[in-house]
Amino acid sequence: IARVRMHMKQFNSIHNPGSNTHQAS
């Protein structure tokens, strides 16, 4: 499923990892 969505520019992930300083975000 992730590989199929890799070609998309905007909707390629459902996860926002946050920043290096705020992993909780």
mmCIF file of all heavy atoms, coordinates in Angstrom:
data_MODEL
# 
_entry.id   MODEL 
# 
loop_
_atom_site.group_PDB 
_atom_site.id 
_atom_site.type_symbol 
_atom_site.label_atom_id 
_atom_site.label_alt_id 
_atom_site.label_comp_id 
_atom_site.label_asym_id 
_atom_site.label_entity_id 
_atom_site.label_seq_id 
_atom_site.pdbx_PDB_ins_code 
_atom_site.Cartn_x 
_atom_site.Cartn_y 
_atom_site.Cartn_z 
_atom_site.occupancy 
_atom_site.B_iso_or_equiv 
_atom_site.pdbx_formal_charge 
_atom_site.auth_seq_id 
_atom_site.auth_comp_id 
_atom_site.auth_asym_id 
_atom_site.auth_atom_id 
_atom_site.pdbx_PDB_model_num 
ATOM 1   N N   . ILE A 1 1  ? 0.843  -1.198 0.000  1.00 0.00 ? 1  ILE A N   1 
ATOM 2   C CA  . ILE A 1 1  ? 0.000  0.000  0.000  1.00 0.00 ? 1  ILE A CA  1 
ATOM 3   C C   . ILE A 1 1  ? 0.877  1.247  0.000  1.00 0.00 ? 1  ILE A C   1 
ATOM 4   O O   . ILE A 1 1  ? 0.636  2.194  -0.750 1.00 0.00 ? 1  ILE A O   1 
ATOM 5   C CB  . ILE A 1 1  ? -0.953 0.002  1.218  1.00 0.00 ? 1  ILE A CB  1 
ATOM 6   C CG1 . ILE A 1 1  ? -2.005 -1.100 1.057  1.00 0.00 ? 1  ILE A CG1 1 
ATOM 7   C CG2 . ILE A 1 1  ? -1.626 1.357  1.395  1.00 0.00 ? 1  ILE A CG2 1 
ATOM 8   C CD1 . ILE A 1 1  ? -2.808 -1.372 2.313  1.00 0.00 ? 1  ILE A CD1 1 
ATOM 9   N N   . ALA A 1 2  ? 1.916  1.256  0.828  1.00 0.00 ? 2  ALA A N   1 
ATOM 10  C CA  . ALA A 1 2  ? 2.824  2.409  0.880  1.00 0.00 ? 2  ALA A CA  1 
ATOM 11  C C   . ALA A 1 2  ? 3.530  2.598  -0.461 1.00 0.00 ? 2  ALA A C   1 
ATOM 12  O O   . ALA A 1 2  ? 3.701  3.723  -0.930 1.00 0.00 ? 2  ALA A O   1 
ATOM 13  C CB  . ALA A 1 2  ? 3.845  2.227  1.999  1.00 0.00 ? 2  ALA A CB  1 
ATOM 14  N N   . ARG A 1 3  ? 3.922  1.521  -1.113 1.00 0.00 ? 3  ARG A N   1 
ATOM 15  C CA  . ARG A 1 3  ? 4.621  1.606  -2.397 1.00 0.00 ? 3  ARG A CA  1 
ATOM 16  C C   . ARG A 1 3  ? 3.701  2.178  -3.484 1.00 0.00 ? 3  ARG A C   1 
ATOM 17  O O   . ARG A 1 3  ? 4.127  2.961  -4.318 1.00 0.00 ? 3  ARG A O   1 
ATOM 18  C CB  . ARG A 1 3  ? 5.139  0.226  -2.800 1.00 0.00 ? 3  ARG A CB  1 
ATOM 19  C CG  . ARG A 1 3  ? 6.120  0.250  -3.930 1.00 0.00 ? 3  ARG A CG  1 
ATOM 20  C CD  . ARG A 1 3  ? 6.789  -1.090 -4.250 1.00 0.00 ? 3  ARG A CD  1 
ATOM 21  N NE  . ARG A 1 3  ? 6.191  -2.303 -3.750 1.00 0.00 ? 3  ARG A NE  1 
ATOM 22  C CZ  . ARG A 1 3  ? 6.606  -2.952 -2.641 1.00 0.00 ? 3  ARG A CZ  1 
ATOM 23  N NH1 . ARG A 1 3  ? 7.617  -2.488 -1.939 1.00 0.00 ? 3  ARG A NH1 1 
ATOM 24  N NH2 . ARG A 1 3  ? 6.010  -4.061 -2.257 1.00 0.00 ? 3  ARG A NH2 1 
ATOM 25  N N   . VAL A 1 4  ? 2.446  1.819  -3.461 1.00 0.00 ? 4  VAL A N   1 
ATOM 26  C CA  . VAL A 1 4  ? 1.490  2.331  -4.446 1.00 0.00 ? 4  VAL A CA  1 
ATOM 27  C C   . VAL A 1 4  ? 1.339  3.838  -4.306 1.00 0.00 ? 4  VAL A C   1 
ATOM 28  O O   . VAL A 1 4  ? 1.222  4.558  -5.298 1.00 0.00 ? 4  VAL A O   1 
ATOM 29  C CB  . VAL A 1 4  ? 0.119  1.625  -4.286 1.00 0.00 ? 4  VAL A CB  1 
ATOM 30  C CG1 . VAL A 1 4  ? -0.954 2.332  -5.067 1.00 0.00 ? 4  VAL A CG1 1 
ATOM 31  C CG2 . VAL A 1 4  ? 0.218  0.176  -4.719 1.00 0.00 ? 4  VAL A CG2 1 
ATOM 32  N N   . ARG A 1 5  ? 1.377  4.347  -3.067 1.00 0.00 ? 5  ARG A N   1 
ATOM 33  C CA  . ARG A 1 5  ? 1.163  5.778  -2.848 1.00 0.00 ? 5  ARG A CA  1 
ATOM 34  C C   . ARG A 1 5  ? 2.436  6.601  -2.961 1.00 0.00 ? 5  ARG A C   1 
ATOM 35  O O   . ARG A 1 5  ? 2.385  7.818  -2.868 1.00 0.00 ? 5  ARG A O   1 
ATOM 36  C CB  . ARG A 1 5  ? 0.538  5.987  -1.472 1.00 0.00 ? 5  ARG A CB  1 
ATOM 37  C CG  . ARG A 1 5  ? -0.874 5.433  -1.460 1.00 0.00 ? 5  ARG A CG  1 
ATOM 38  C CD  . ARG A 1 5  ? -1.779 5.944  -0.391 1.00 0.00 ? 5  ARG A CD  1 
ATOM 39  N NE  . ARG A 1 5  ? -1.280 6.912  0.502  1.00 0.00 ? 5  ARG A NE  1 
ATOM 40  C CZ  . ARG A 1 5  ? -1.413 6.840  1.827  1.00 0.00 ? 5  ARG A CZ  1 
ATOM 41  N NH1 . ARG A 1 5  ? -2.008 5.818  2.358  1.00 0.00 ? 5  ARG A NH1 1 
ATOM 42  N NH2 . ARG A 1 5  ? -0.955 7.793  2.598  1.00 0.00 ? 5  ARG A NH2 1 
ATOM 43  N N   . MET A 1 6  ? 3.593  5.982  -3.191 1.00 0.00 ? 6  MET A N   1 
ATOM 44  C CA  . MET A 1 6  ? 4.849  6.719  -3.248 1.00 0.00 ? 6  MET A CA  1 
ATOM 45  C C   . MET A 1 6  ? 4.898  7.708  -4.405 1.00 0.00 ? 6  MET A C   1 
ATOM 46  O O   . MET A 1 6  ? 5.570  8.735  -4.314 1.00 0.00 ? 6  MET A O   1 
ATOM 47  C CB  . MET A 1 6  ? 6.036  5.758  -3.339 1.00 0.00 ? 6  MET A CB  1 
ATOM 48  C CG  . MET A 1 6  ? 6.359  5.097  -2.018 1.00 0.00 ? 6  MET A CG  1 
ATOM 49  S SD  . MET A 1 6  ? 7.652  3.880  -2.134 1.00 0.00 ? 6  MET A SD  1 
ATOM 50  C CE  . MET A 1 6  ? 9.023  4.855  -2.682 1.00 0.00 ? 6  MET A CE  1 
ATOM 51  N N   . HIS A 1 7  ? 4.195  7.435  -5.512 1.00 0.00 ? 7  HIS A N   1 
ATOM 52  C CA  . HIS A 1 7  ? 4.238  8.334  -6.659 1.00 0.00 ? 7  HIS A CA  1 
ATOM 53  C C   . HIS A 1 7  ? 3.410  9.605  -6.435 1.00 0.00 ? 7  HIS A C   1 
ATOM 54  O O   . HIS A 1 7  ? 3.534  10.559 -7.177 1.00 0.00 ? 7  HIS A O   1 
ATOM 55  C CB  . HIS A 1 7  ? 3.760  7.610  -7.918 1.00 0.00 ? 7  HIS A CB  1 
ATOM 56  C CG  . HIS A 1 7  ? 2.284  7.396  -7.965 1.00 0.00 ? 7  HIS A CG  1 
ATOM 57  N ND1 . HIS A 1 7  ? 1.670  6.385  -7.267 1.00 0.00 ? 7  HIS A ND1 1 
ATOM 58  C CD2 . HIS A 1 7  ? 1.303  8.077  -8.598 1.00 0.00 ? 7  HIS A CD2 1 
ATOM 59  C CE1 . HIS A 1 7  ? 0.364  6.449  -7.465 1.00 0.00 ? 7  HIS A CE1 1 
ATOM 60  N NE2 . HIS A 1 7  ? 0.111  7.457  -8.270 1.00 0.00 ? 7  HIS A NE2 1 
ATOM 61  N N   . MET A 1 8  ? 2.598  9.618  -5.419 1.00 0.00 ? 8  MET A N   1 
ATOM 62  C CA  . MET A 1 8  ? 1.793  10.804 -5.140 1.00 0.00 ? 8  MET A CA  1 
ATOM 63  C C   . MET A 1 8  ? 2.672  11.899 -4.532 1.00 0.00 ? 8  MET A C   1 
ATOM 64  O O   . MET A 1 8  ? 3.611  11.616 -3.794 1.00 0.00 ? 8  MET A O   1 
ATOM 65  C CB  . MET A 1 8  ? 0.647  10.455 -4.194 1.00 0.00 ? 8  MET A CB  1 
ATOM 66  C CG  . MET A 1 8  ? -0.311 9.447  -4.789 1.00 0.00 ? 8  MET A CG  1 
ATOM 67  S SD  . MET A 1 8  ? -1.658 9.092  -3.682 1.00 0.00 ? 8  MET A SD  1 
ATOM 68  C CE  . MET A 1 8  ? -2.935 9.969  -4.528 1.00 0.00 ? 8  MET A CE  1 
ATOM 69  N N   . LYS A 1 9  ? 2.375  13.124 -4.862 1.00 0.00 ? 9  LYS A N   1 
ATOM 70  C CA  . LYS A 1 9  ? 3.167  14.248 -4.372 1.00 0.00 ? 9  LYS A CA  1 
ATOM 71  C C   . LYS A 1 9  ? 2.678  14.733 -3.010 1.00 0.00 ? 9  LYS A C   1 
ATOM 72  O O   . LYS A 1 9  ? 3.460  15.099 -2.155 1.00 0.00 ? 9  LYS A O   1 
ATOM 73  C CB  . LYS A 1 9  ? 3.120  15.384 -5.385 1.00 0.00 ? 9  LYS A CB  1 
ATOM 74  C CG  . LYS A 1 9  ? 3.777  15.048 -6.705 1.00 0.00 ? 9  LYS A CG  1 
ATOM 75  C CD  . LYS A 1 9  ? 3.519  16.159 -7.718 1.00 0.00 ? 9  LYS A CD  1 
ATOM 76  C CE  . LYS A 1 9  ? 4.066  15.806 -9.073 1.00 0.00 ? 9  LYS A CE  1 
ATOM 77  N NZ  . LYS A 1 9  ? 3.324  14.788 -9.776 1.00 0.00 ? 9  LYS A NZ  1 
ATOM 78  N N   . GLN A 1 10 ? 1.384  14.732 -2.821 1.00 0.00 ? 10 GLN A N   1 
ATOM 79  C CA  . GLN A 1 10 ? 0.813  15.312 -1.613 1.00 0.00 ? 10 GLN A CA  1 
ATOM 80  C C   . GLN A 1 10 ? 0.297  14.259 -0.628 1.00 0.00 ? 10 GLN A C   1 
ATOM 81  O O   . GLN A 1 10 ? 0.448  14.408 0.568  1.00 0.00 ? 10 GLN A O   1 
ATOM 82  C CB  . GLN A 1 10 ? -0.328 16.249 -2.006 1.00 0.00 ? 10 GLN A CB  1 
ATOM 83  C CG  . GLN A 1 10 ? -0.929 16.988 -0.858 1.00 0.00 ? 10 GLN A CG  1 
ATOM 84  C CD  . GLN A 1 10 ? -2.015 17.922 -1.308 1.00 0.00 ? 10 GLN A CD  1 
ATOM 85  O OE1 . GLN A 1 10 ? -2.372 17.959 -2.472 1.00 0.00 ? 10 GLN A OE1 1 
ATOM 86  N NE2 . GLN A 1 10 ? -2.555 18.684 -0.397 1.00 0.00 ? 10 GLN A NE2 1 
ATOM 87  N N   . PHE A 1 11 ? -0.303 13.215 -1.123 1.00 0.00 ? 11 PHE A N   1 
ATOM 88  C CA  . PHE A 1 11 ? -0.949 12.227 -0.248 1.00 0.00 ? 11 PHE A CA  1 
ATOM 89  C C   . PHE A 1 11 ? -0.120 10.953 -0.124 1.00 0.00 ? 11 PHE A C   1 
ATOM 90  O O   . PHE A 1 11 ? -0.656 9.854  -0.137 1.00 0.00 ? 11 PHE A O   1 
ATOM 91  C CB  . PHE A 1 11 ? -2.341 11.879 -0.777 1.00 0.00 ? 11 PHE A CB  1 
ATOM 92  C CG  . PHE A 1 11 ? -3.235 13.065 -0.942 1.00 0.00 ? 11 PHE A CG  1 
ATOM 93  C CD1 . PHE A 1 11 ? -3.769 13.380 -2.170 1.00 0.00 ? 11 PHE A CD1 1 
ATOM 94  C CD2 . PHE A 1 11 ? -3.532 13.888 0.132  1.00 0.00 ? 11 PHE A CD2 1 
ATOM 95  C CE1 . PHE A 1 11 ? -4.598 14.470 -2.336 1.00 0.00 ? 11 PHE A CE1 1 
ATOM 96  C CE2 . PHE A 1 11 ? -4.360 14.986 -0.022 1.00 0.00 ? 11 PHE A CE2 1 
ATOM 97  C CZ  . PHE A 1 11 ? -4.884 15.272 -1.255 1.00 0.00 ? 11 PHE A CZ  1 
ATOM 98  N N   . ASN A 1 12 ? 1.183  11.080 0.023  1.00 0.00 ? 12 ASN A N   1 
ATOM 99  C CA  . ASN A 1 12 ? 2.028  9.887  0.048  1.00 0.00 ? 12 ASN A CA  1 
ATOM 100 C C   . ASN A 1 12 ? 2.230  9.320  1.445  1.00 0.00 ? 12 ASN A C   1 
ATOM 101 O O   . ASN A 1 12 ? 2.855  8.283  1.598  1.00 0.00 ? 12 ASN A O   1 
ATOM 102 C CB  . ASN A 1 12 ? 3.376  10.163 -0.623 1.00 0.00 ? 12 ASN A CB  1 
ATOM 103 C CG  . ASN A 1 12 ? 4.130  11.295 0.040  1.00 0.00 ? 12 ASN A CG  1 
ATOM 104 O OD1 . ASN A 1 12 ? 3.675  11.845 1.019  1.00 0.00 ? 12 ASN A OD1 1 
ATOM 105 N ND2 . ASN A 1 12 ? 5.264  11.630 -0.523 1.00 0.00 ? 12 ASN A ND2 1 
ATOM 106 N N   . SER A 1 13 ? 1.717  9.974  2.478  1.00 0.00 ? 13 SER A N   1 
ATOM 107 C CA  . SER A 1 13 ? 1.900  9.445  3.825  1.00 0.00 ? 13 SER A CA  1 
ATOM 108 C C   . SER A 1 13 ? 0.724  9.828  4.716  1.00 0.00 ? 13 SER A C   1 
ATOM 109 O O   . SER A 1 13 ? 0.135  10.902 4.570  1.00 0.00 ? 13 SER A O   1 
ATOM 110 C CB  . SER A 1 13 ? 3.196  9.989  4.427  1.00 0.00 ? 13 SER A CB  1 
ATOM 111 O OG  . SER A 1 13 ? 3.376  9.480  5.731  1.00 0.00 ? 13 SER A OG  1 
ATOM 112 N N   . ILE A 1 14 ? 0.416  8.963  5.652  1.00 0.00 ? 14 ILE A N   1 
ATOM 113 C CA  . ILE A 1 14 ? -0.615 9.267  6.646  1.00 0.00 ? 14 ILE A CA  1 
ATOM 114 C C   . ILE A 1 14 ? 0.031  9.554  7.996  1.00 0.00 ? 14 ILE A C   1 
ATOM 115 O O   . ILE A 1 14 ? -0.634 9.828  8.965  1.00 0.00 ? 14 ILE A O   1 
ATOM 116 C CB  . ILE A 1 14 ? -1.639 8.118  6.784  1.00 0.00 ? 14 ILE A CB  1 
ATOM 117 C CG1 . ILE A 1 14 ? -0.956 6.818  7.170  1.00 0.00 ? 14 ILE A CG1 1 
ATOM 118 C CG2 . ILE A 1 14 ? -2.438 7.969  5.517  1.00 0.00 ? 14 ILE A CG2 1 
ATOM 119 C CD1 . ILE A 1 14 ? -1.888 5.688  7.488  1.00 0.00 ? 14 ILE A CD1 1 
ATOM 120 N N   . HIS A 1 15 ? 1.375  9.511  8.030  1.00 0.00 ? 15 HIS A N   1 
ATOM 121 C CA  . HIS A 1 15 ? 2.113  9.720  9.265  1.00 0.00 ? 15 HIS A CA  1 
ATOM 122 C C   . HIS A 1 15 ? 2.942  10.994 9.164  1.00 0.00 ? 15 HIS A C   1 
ATOM 123 O O   . HIS A 1 15 ? 3.671  11.199 8.207  1.00 0.00 ? 15 HIS A O   1 
ATOM 124 C CB  . HIS A 1 15 ? 3.039  8.525  9.514  1.00 0.00 ? 15 HIS A CB  1 
ATOM 125 C CG  . HIS A 1 15 ? 3.869  8.672  10.750 1.00 0.00 ? 15 HIS A CG  1 
ATOM 126 N ND1 . HIS A 1 15 ? 5.211  8.962  10.703 1.00 0.00 ? 15 HIS A ND1 1 
ATOM 127 C CD2 . HIS A 1 15 ? 3.547  8.595  12.059 1.00 0.00 ? 15 HIS A CD2 1 
ATOM 128 C CE1 . HIS A 1 15 ? 5.684  9.044  11.930 1.00 0.00 ? 15 HIS A CE1 1 
ATOM 129 N NE2 . HIS A 1 15 ? 4.693  8.830  12.764 1.00 0.00 ? 15 HIS A NE2 1 
ATOM 130 N N   . ASN A 1 16 ? 2.795  11.854 10.163 1.00 0.00 ? 16 ASN A N   1 
ATOM 131 C CA  . ASN A 1 16 ? 3.631  13.046 10.272 1.00 0.00 ? 16 ASN A CA  1 
ATOM 132 C C   . ASN A 1 16 ? 4.588  12.785 11.419 1.00 0.00 ? 16 ASN A C   1 
ATOM 133 O O   . ASN A 1 16 ? 4.171  12.741 12.575 1.00 0.00 ? 16 ASN A O   1 
ATOM 134 C CB  . ASN A 1 16 ? 2.770  14.279 10.543 1.00 0.00 ? 16 ASN A CB  1 
ATOM 135 C CG  . ASN A 1 16 ? 3.595  15.534 10.682 1.00 0.00 ? 16 ASN A CG  1 
ATOM 136 O OD1 . ASN A 1 16 ? 4.809  15.521 10.486 1.00 0.00 ? 16 ASN A OD1 1 
ATOM 137 N ND2 . ASN A 1 16 ? 2.937  16.614 11.027 1.00 0.00 ? 16 ASN A ND2 1 
ATOM 138 N N   . PRO A 1 17 ? 5.883  12.584 11.137 1.00 0.00 ? 17 PRO A N   1 
ATOM 139 C CA  . PRO A 1 17 ? 6.816  12.168 12.183 1.00 0.00 ? 17 PRO A CA  1 
ATOM 140 C C   . PRO A 1 17 ? 7.117  13.235 13.231 1.00 0.00 ? 17 PRO A C   1 
ATOM 141 O O   . PRO A 1 17 ? 7.730  12.938 14.243 1.00 0.00 ? 17 PRO A O   1 
ATOM 142 C CB  . PRO A 1 17 ? 8.080  11.807 11.402 1.00 0.00 ? 17 PRO A CB  1 
ATOM 143 C CG  . PRO A 1 17 ? 7.987  12.564 10.137 1.00 0.00 ? 17 PRO A CG  1 
ATOM 144 C CD  . PRO A 1 17 ? 6.509  12.711 9.835  1.00 0.00 ? 17 PRO A CD  1 
ATOM 145 N N   . GLY A 1 18 ? 6.705  14.473 13.032 1.00 0.00 ? 18 GLY A N   1 
ATOM 146 C CA  . GLY A 1 18 ? 7.054  15.532 13.973 1.00 0.00 ? 18 GLY A CA  1 
ATOM 147 C C   . GLY A 1 18 ? 8.455  16.032 13.682 1.00 0.00 ? 18 GLY A C   1 
ATOM 148 O O   . GLY A 1 18 ? 9.027  15.766 12.632 1.00 0.00 ? 18 GLY A O   1 
ATOM 149 N N   . SER A 1 19 ? 9.035  16.725 14.622 1.00 0.00 ? 19 SER A N   1 
ATOM 150 C CA  . SER A 1 19 ? 10.387 17.251 14.429 1.00 0.00 ? 19 SER A CA  1 
ATOM 151 C C   . SER A 1 19 ? 11.381 16.473 15.279 1.00 0.00 ? 19 SER A C   1 
ATOM 152 O O   . SER A 1 19 ? 11.000 15.679 16.141 1.00 0.00 ? 19 SER A O   1 
ATOM 153 C CB  . SER A 1 19 ? 10.430 18.733 14.795 1.00 0.00 ? 19 SER A CB  1 
ATOM 154 O OG  . SER A 1 19 ? 10.182 18.884 16.184 1.00 0.00 ? 19 SER A OG  1 
ATOM 155 N N   . ASN A 1 20 ? 12.660 16.723 15.045 1.00 0.00 ? 20 ASN A N   1 
ATOM 156 C CA  . ASN A 1 20 ? 13.698 16.030 15.820 1.00 0.00 ? 20 ASN A CA  1 
ATOM 157 C C   . ASN A 1 20 ? 13.632 16.397 17.295 1.00 0.00 ? 20 ASN A C   1 
ATOM 158 O O   . ASN A 1 20 ? 13.967 15.590 18.149 1.00 0.00 ? 20 ASN A O   1 
ATOM 159 C CB  . ASN A 1 20 ? 15.085 16.367 15.265 1.00 0.00 ? 20 ASN A CB  1 
ATOM 160 C CG  . ASN A 1 20 ? 15.319 15.735 13.917 1.00 0.00 ? 20 ASN A CG  1 
ATOM 161 O OD1 . ASN A 1 20 ? 14.683 14.737 13.581 1.00 0.00 ? 20 ASN A OD1 1 
ATOM 162 N ND2 . ASN A 1 20 ? 16.205 16.313 13.124 1.00 0.00 ? 20 ASN A ND2 1 
ATOM 163 N N   . THR A 1 21 ? 13.216 17.608 17.594 1.00 0.00 ? 21 THR A N   1 
ATOM 164 C CA  . THR A 1 21 ? 13.154 18.046 18.991 1.00 0.00 ? 21 THR A CA  1 
ATOM 165 C C   . THR A 1 21 ? 11.839 17.693 19.661 1.00 0.00 ? 21 THR A C   1 
ATOM 166 O O   . THR A 1 21 ? 11.765 17.617 20.871 1.00 0.00 ? 21 THR A O   1 
ATOM 167 C CB  . THR A 1 21 ? 13.376 19.569 19.087 1.00 0.00 ? 21 THR A CB  1 
ATOM 168 O OG1 . THR A 1 21 ? 12.393 20.227 18.290 1.00 0.00 ? 21 THR A OG1 1 
ATOM 169 C CG2 . THR A 1 21 ? 14.780 19.941 18.616 1.00 0.00 ? 21 THR A CG2 1 
ATOM 170 N N   . HIS A 1 22 ? 10.777 17.485 18.874 1.00 0.00 ? 22 HIS A N   1 
ATOM 171 C CA  . HIS A 1 22 ? 9.456  17.180 19.437 1.00 0.00 ? 22 HIS A CA  1 
ATOM 172 C C   . HIS A 1 22 ? 8.900  15.893 18.835 1.00 0.00 ? 22 HIS A C   1 
ATOM 173 O O   . HIS A 1 22 ? 7.988  15.920 18.024 1.00 0.00 ? 22 HIS A O   1 
ATOM 174 C CB  . HIS A 1 22 ? 8.473  18.336 19.178 1.00 0.00 ? 22 HIS A CB  1 
ATOM 175 C CG  . HIS A 1 22 ? 8.827  19.595 19.882 1.00 0.00 ? 22 HIS A CG  1 
ATOM 176 N ND1 . HIS A 1 22 ? 9.653  20.537 19.339 1.00 0.00 ? 22 HIS A ND1 1 
ATOM 177 C CD2 . HIS A 1 22 ? 8.478  20.041 21.120 1.00 0.00 ? 22 HIS A CD2 1 
ATOM 178 C CE1 . HIS A 1 22 ? 9.796  21.536 20.184 1.00 0.00 ? 22 HIS A CE1 1 
ATOM 179 N NE2 . HIS A 1 22 ? 9.097  21.256 21.276 1.00 0.00 ? 22 HIS A NE2 1 
ATOM 180 N N   . GLN A 1 23 ? 9.454  14.763 19.222 1.00 0.00 ? 23 GLN A N   1 
ATOM 181 C CA  . GLN A 1 23 ? 8.973  13.483 18.717 1.00 0.00 ? 23 GLN A CA  1 
ATOM 182 C C   . GLN A 1 23 ? 7.538  13.222 19.151 1.00 0.00 ? 23 GLN A C   1 
ATOM 183 O O   . GLN A 1 23 ? 6.800  12.509 18.481 1.00 0.00 ? 23 GLN A O   1 
ATOM 184 C CB  . GLN A 1 23 ? 9.872  12.342 19.201 1.00 0.00 ? 23 GLN A CB  1 
ATOM 185 C CG  . GLN A 1 23 ? 11.263 12.366 18.588 1.00 0.00 ? 23 GLN A CG  1 
ATOM 186 C CD  . GLN A 1 23 ? 11.231 12.102 17.099 1.00 0.00 ? 23 GLN A CD  1 
ATOM 187 O OE1 . GLN A 1 23 ? 10.451 11.296 16.632 1.00 0.00 ? 23 GLN A OE1 1 
ATOM 188 N NE2 . GLN A 1 23 ? 12.075 12.792 16.359 1.00 0.00 ? 23 GLN A NE2 1 
ATOM 189 N N   . ALA A 1 24 ? 7.133  13.815 20.259 1.00 0.00 ? 24 ALA A N   1 
ATOM 190 C CA  . ALA A 1 24 ? 5.765  13.607 20.757 1.00 0.00 ? 24 ALA A CA  1 
ATOM 191 C C   . ALA A 1 24 ? 4.736  14.271 19.849 1.00 0.00 ? 24 ALA A C   1 
ATOM 192 O O   . ALA A 1 24 ? 3.547  13.988 19.950 1.00 0.00 ? 24 ALA A O   1 
ATOM 193 C CB  . ALA A 1 24 ? 5.639  14.134 22.177 1.00 0.00 ? 24 ALA A CB  1 
ATOM 194 N N   . SER A 1 25 ? 5.180  15.167 18.958 1.00 0.00 ? 25 SER A N   1 
ATOM 195 C CA  . SER A 1 25 ? 4.227  15.837 18.074 1.00 0.00 ? 25 SER A CA  1 
ATOM 196 C C   . SER A 1 25 ? 3.913  15.013 16.830 1.00 0.00 ? 25 SER A C   1 
ATOM 197 O O   . SER A 1 25 ? 3.227  15.485 15.937 1.00 0.00 ? 25 SER A O   1 
ATOM 198 C CB  . SER A 1 25 ? 4.773  17.210 17.666 1.00 0.00 ? 25 SER A CB  1 
ATOM 199 O OG  . SER A 1 25 ? 5.942  17.056 16.876 1.00 0.00 ? 25 SER A OG  1 
# 
